[in-house]
Amino acid sequence: MSKKQNKVNKEDSRNIAERNYEPENYSGNTQFDKGMAETHEQVSDDYHEGTIDRKLKE
């Protein structure tokens, strides 16, 4: 891999790492948007489900 390609990849990685979930991700067409929407849905489901043994906190 050339230094130029490596530098571009680092810049791309930095730009992606600085992004956060946005509600617009659900309607996005990029792989990043789809991944963020899916991850958000999974975390949200687990959070609302309760504890690992599926007992809701009282």
N, C-alpha and C. Protein backbone atom coordinates (compact mmCIF):
# COMPACT_ATOMS: atom_id res chain seq x y z
N MET A 1 0.85 -1.17 0.00
CA MET A 1 0.00 0.00 0.00
C MET A 1 0.90 1.24 0.00
N SER A 2 0.60 2.16 -0.86
CA SER A 2 1.42 3.36 -0.94
C SER A 2 1.09 4.31 0.20
N LYS A 3 2.01 5.26 0.45
CA LYS A 3 1.80 6.23 1.51
C LYS A 3 0.58 7.09 1.22
N LYS A 4 0.35 7.42 -0.06
CA LYS A 4 -0.79 8.24 -0.42
C LYS A 4 -2.10 7.52 -0.08
N GLN A 5 -2.19 6.25 -0.41
CA GLN A 5 -3.40 5.48 -0.09
C GLN A 5 -3.60 5.39 1.42
N ASN A 6 -2.52 5.18 2.15
CA ASN A 6 -2.58 5.08 3.60
C ASN A 6 -3.08 6.39 4.20
N LYS A 7 -2.60 7.52 3.69
CA LYS A 7 -3.01 8.82 4.20
C LYS A 7 -4.50 9.05 3.94
N VAL A 8 -4.95 8.70 2.78
CA VAL A 8 -6.37 8.86 2.45
C VAL A 8 -7.21 8.00 3.39
N ASN A 9 -6.81 6.78 3.62
CA ASN A 9 -7.56 5.89 4.51
C ASN A 9 -7.62 6.44 5.93
N LYS A 10 -6.53 7.02 6.41
CA LYS A 10 -6.53 7.61 7.75
C LYS A 10 -7.48 8.79 7.81
N GLU A 11 -7.50 9.61 6.77
CA GLU A 11 -8.40 10.75 6.75
C GLU A 11 -9.85 10.29 6.69
N ASP A 12 -10.13 9.29 5.86
CA ASP A 12 -11.49 8.74 5.78
C ASP A 12 -11.91 8.16 7.13
N SER A 13 -11.02 7.44 7.77
CA SER A 13 -11.31 6.84 9.06
C SER A 13 -11.60 7.92 10.10
N ARG A 14 -10.84 8.98 10.09
CA ARG A 14 -11.04 10.06 11.04
C ARG A 14 -12.41 10.72 10.81
N ASN A 15 -12.77 10.93 9.55
CA ASN A 15 -14.07 11.55 9.25
C ASN A 15 -15.22 10.67 9.71
N ILE A 16 -15.11 9.38 9.51
CA ILE A 16 -16.17 8.46 9.93
C ILE A 16 -16.22 8.38 11.45
N ALA A 17 -15.09 8.34 12.11
CA ALA A 17 -15.04 8.22 13.56
C ALA A 17 -15.64 9.44 14.25
N GLU A 18 -15.63 10.57 13.58
CA GLU A 18 -16.17 11.79 14.18
C GLU A 18 -17.68 11.90 14.03
N ARG A 19 -18.29 11.02 13.27
CA ARG A 19 -19.73 11.09 13.04
C ARG A 19 -20.49 10.36 14.14
N ASN A 20 -21.68 10.80 14.42
CA ASN A 20 -22.55 10.20 15.43
C ASN A 20 -23.87 9.80 14.78
N TYR A 21 -24.65 9.05 15.54
CA TYR A 21 -25.97 8.65 15.05
C TYR A 21 -26.84 9.89 14.86
N GLU A 22 -27.56 9.91 13.78
CA GLU A 22 -28.55 10.94 13.50
C GLU A 22 -29.82 10.23 13.01
N PRO A 23 -31.00 10.73 13.37
CA PRO A 23 -32.24 10.09 12.90
C PRO A 23 -32.30 9.96 11.37
N GLU A 24 -31.62 10.83 10.67
CA GLU A 24 -31.62 10.77 9.20
C GLU A 24 -30.93 9.51 8.68
N ASN A 25 -30.17 8.82 9.53
CA ASN A 25 -29.50 7.59 9.10
C ASN A 25 -30.49 6.54 8.62
N TYR A 26 -31.70 6.56 9.18
CA TYR A 26 -32.70 5.57 8.78
C TYR A 26 -33.10 5.71 7.32
N SER A 27 -33.00 6.92 6.78
CA SER A 27 -33.37 7.11 5.38
C SER A 27 -32.16 7.25 4.48
N GLY A 28 -30.95 7.09 5.03
CA GLY A 28 -29.72 7.22 4.24
C GLY A 28 -29.49 6.02 3.33
N ASN A 29 -28.68 6.26 2.32
CA ASN A 29 -28.38 5.20 1.35
C ASN A 29 -26.97 4.65 1.46
N THR A 30 -26.14 5.26 2.29
CA THR A 30 -24.75 4.81 2.38
C THR A 30 -24.65 3.62 3.33
N GLN A 31 -23.57 2.89 3.21
CA GLN A 31 -23.32 1.76 4.11
C GLN A 31 -23.22 2.25 5.55
N PHE A 32 -22.59 3.40 5.74
CA PHE A 32 -22.46 3.97 7.08
C PHE A 32 -23.83 4.26 7.68
N ASP A 33 -24.69 4.92 6.92
CA ASP A 33 -26.03 5.26 7.42
C ASP A 33 -26.81 4.01 7.79
N LYS A 34 -26.78 3.02 6.94
CA LYS A 34 -27.50 1.78 7.21
C LYS A 34 -26.95 1.08 8.45
N GLY A 35 -25.63 1.07 8.59
CA GLY A 35 -25.00 0.44 9.75
C GLY A 35 -25.33 1.17 11.04
N MET A 36 -25.31 2.49 11.00
CA MET A 36 -25.64 3.27 12.20
C MET A 36 -27.10 3.07 12.59
N ALA A 37 -27.99 3.05 11.61
CA ALA A 37 -29.42 2.85 11.91
C ALA A 37 -29.65 1.48 12.52
N GLU A 38 -29.01 0.46 11.96
CA GLU A 38 -29.18 -0.90 12.48
C GLU A 38 -28.60 -1.03 13.89
N THR A 39 -27.43 -0.47 14.11
CA THR A 39 -26.80 -0.52 15.43
C THR A 39 -27.65 0.22 16.45
N HIS A 40 -28.17 1.38 16.08
CA HIS A 40 -29.03 2.15 16.98
C HIS A 40 -30.27 1.35 17.35
N GLU A 41 -30.84 0.68 16.40
CA GLU A 41 -32.04 -0.14 16.65
C GLU A 41 -31.72 -1.28 17.62
N GLN A 42 -30.59 -1.93 17.43
CA GLN A 42 -30.19 -3.04 18.31
C GLN A 42 -29.96 -2.56 19.74
N VAL A 43 -29.25 -1.45 19.88
CA VAL A 43 -28.96 -0.91 21.22
C VAL A 43 -30.26 -0.47 21.89
N SER A 44 -31.11 0.18 21.14
CA SER A 44 -32.38 0.65 21.68
C SER A 44 -33.23 -0.54 22.16
N ASP A 45 -33.30 -1.59 21.36
CA ASP A 45 -34.06 -2.78 21.75
C ASP A 45 -33.50 -3.39 23.03
N ASP A 46 -32.19 -3.54 23.11
CA ASP A 46 -31.57 -4.12 24.30
C ASP A 46 -31.78 -3.24 25.53
N TYR A 47 -31.68 -1.95 25.36
CA TYR A 47 -31.85 -1.02 26.47
C TYR A 47 -33.27 -1.12 27.05
N HIS A 48 -34.25 -1.19 26.17
CA HIS A 48 -35.63 -1.22 26.62
C HIS A 48 -36.07 -2.60 27.09
N GLU A 49 -35.29 -3.61 26.78
CA GLU A 49 -35.64 -4.98 27.15
C GLU A 49 -35.44 -5.23 28.65
N GLY A 50 -34.49 -4.57 29.27
CA GLY A 50 -34.23 -4.78 30.69
C GLY A 50 -32.85 -5.37 30.89
N THR A 51 -32.71 -6.19 31.91
CA THR A 51 -31.43 -6.78 32.24
C THR A 51 -31.17 -8.01 31.37
N ILE A 52 -29.98 -8.58 31.49
CA ILE A 52 -29.60 -9.71 30.65
C ILE A 52 -30.49 -10.93 30.89
N ASP A 53 -31.01 -11.05 32.11
CA ASP A 53 -31.91 -12.17 32.40
C ASP A 53 -33.37 -11.82 32.09
N ARG A 54 -33.56 -10.72 31.38
CA ARG A 54 -34.86 -10.23 30.91
C ARG A 54 -35.82 -9.86 32.04
N LYS A 55 -35.28 -9.58 33.21
CA LYS A 55 -36.10 -9.08 34.30
C LYS A 55 -36.02 -7.56 34.28
N LEU A 56 -37.16 -6.93 34.26
CA LEU A 56 -37.18 -5.48 34.24
C LEU A 56 -36.81 -4.95 35.61
N LYS A 57 -36.06 -3.87 35.61
CA LYS A 57 -35.69 -3.24 36.88
C LYS A 57 -36.93 -2.60 37.49
N GLU A 58 -37.03 -2.72 38.80
CA GLU A 58 -38.21 -2.16 39.49
C GLU A 58 -37.92 -0.79 40.01
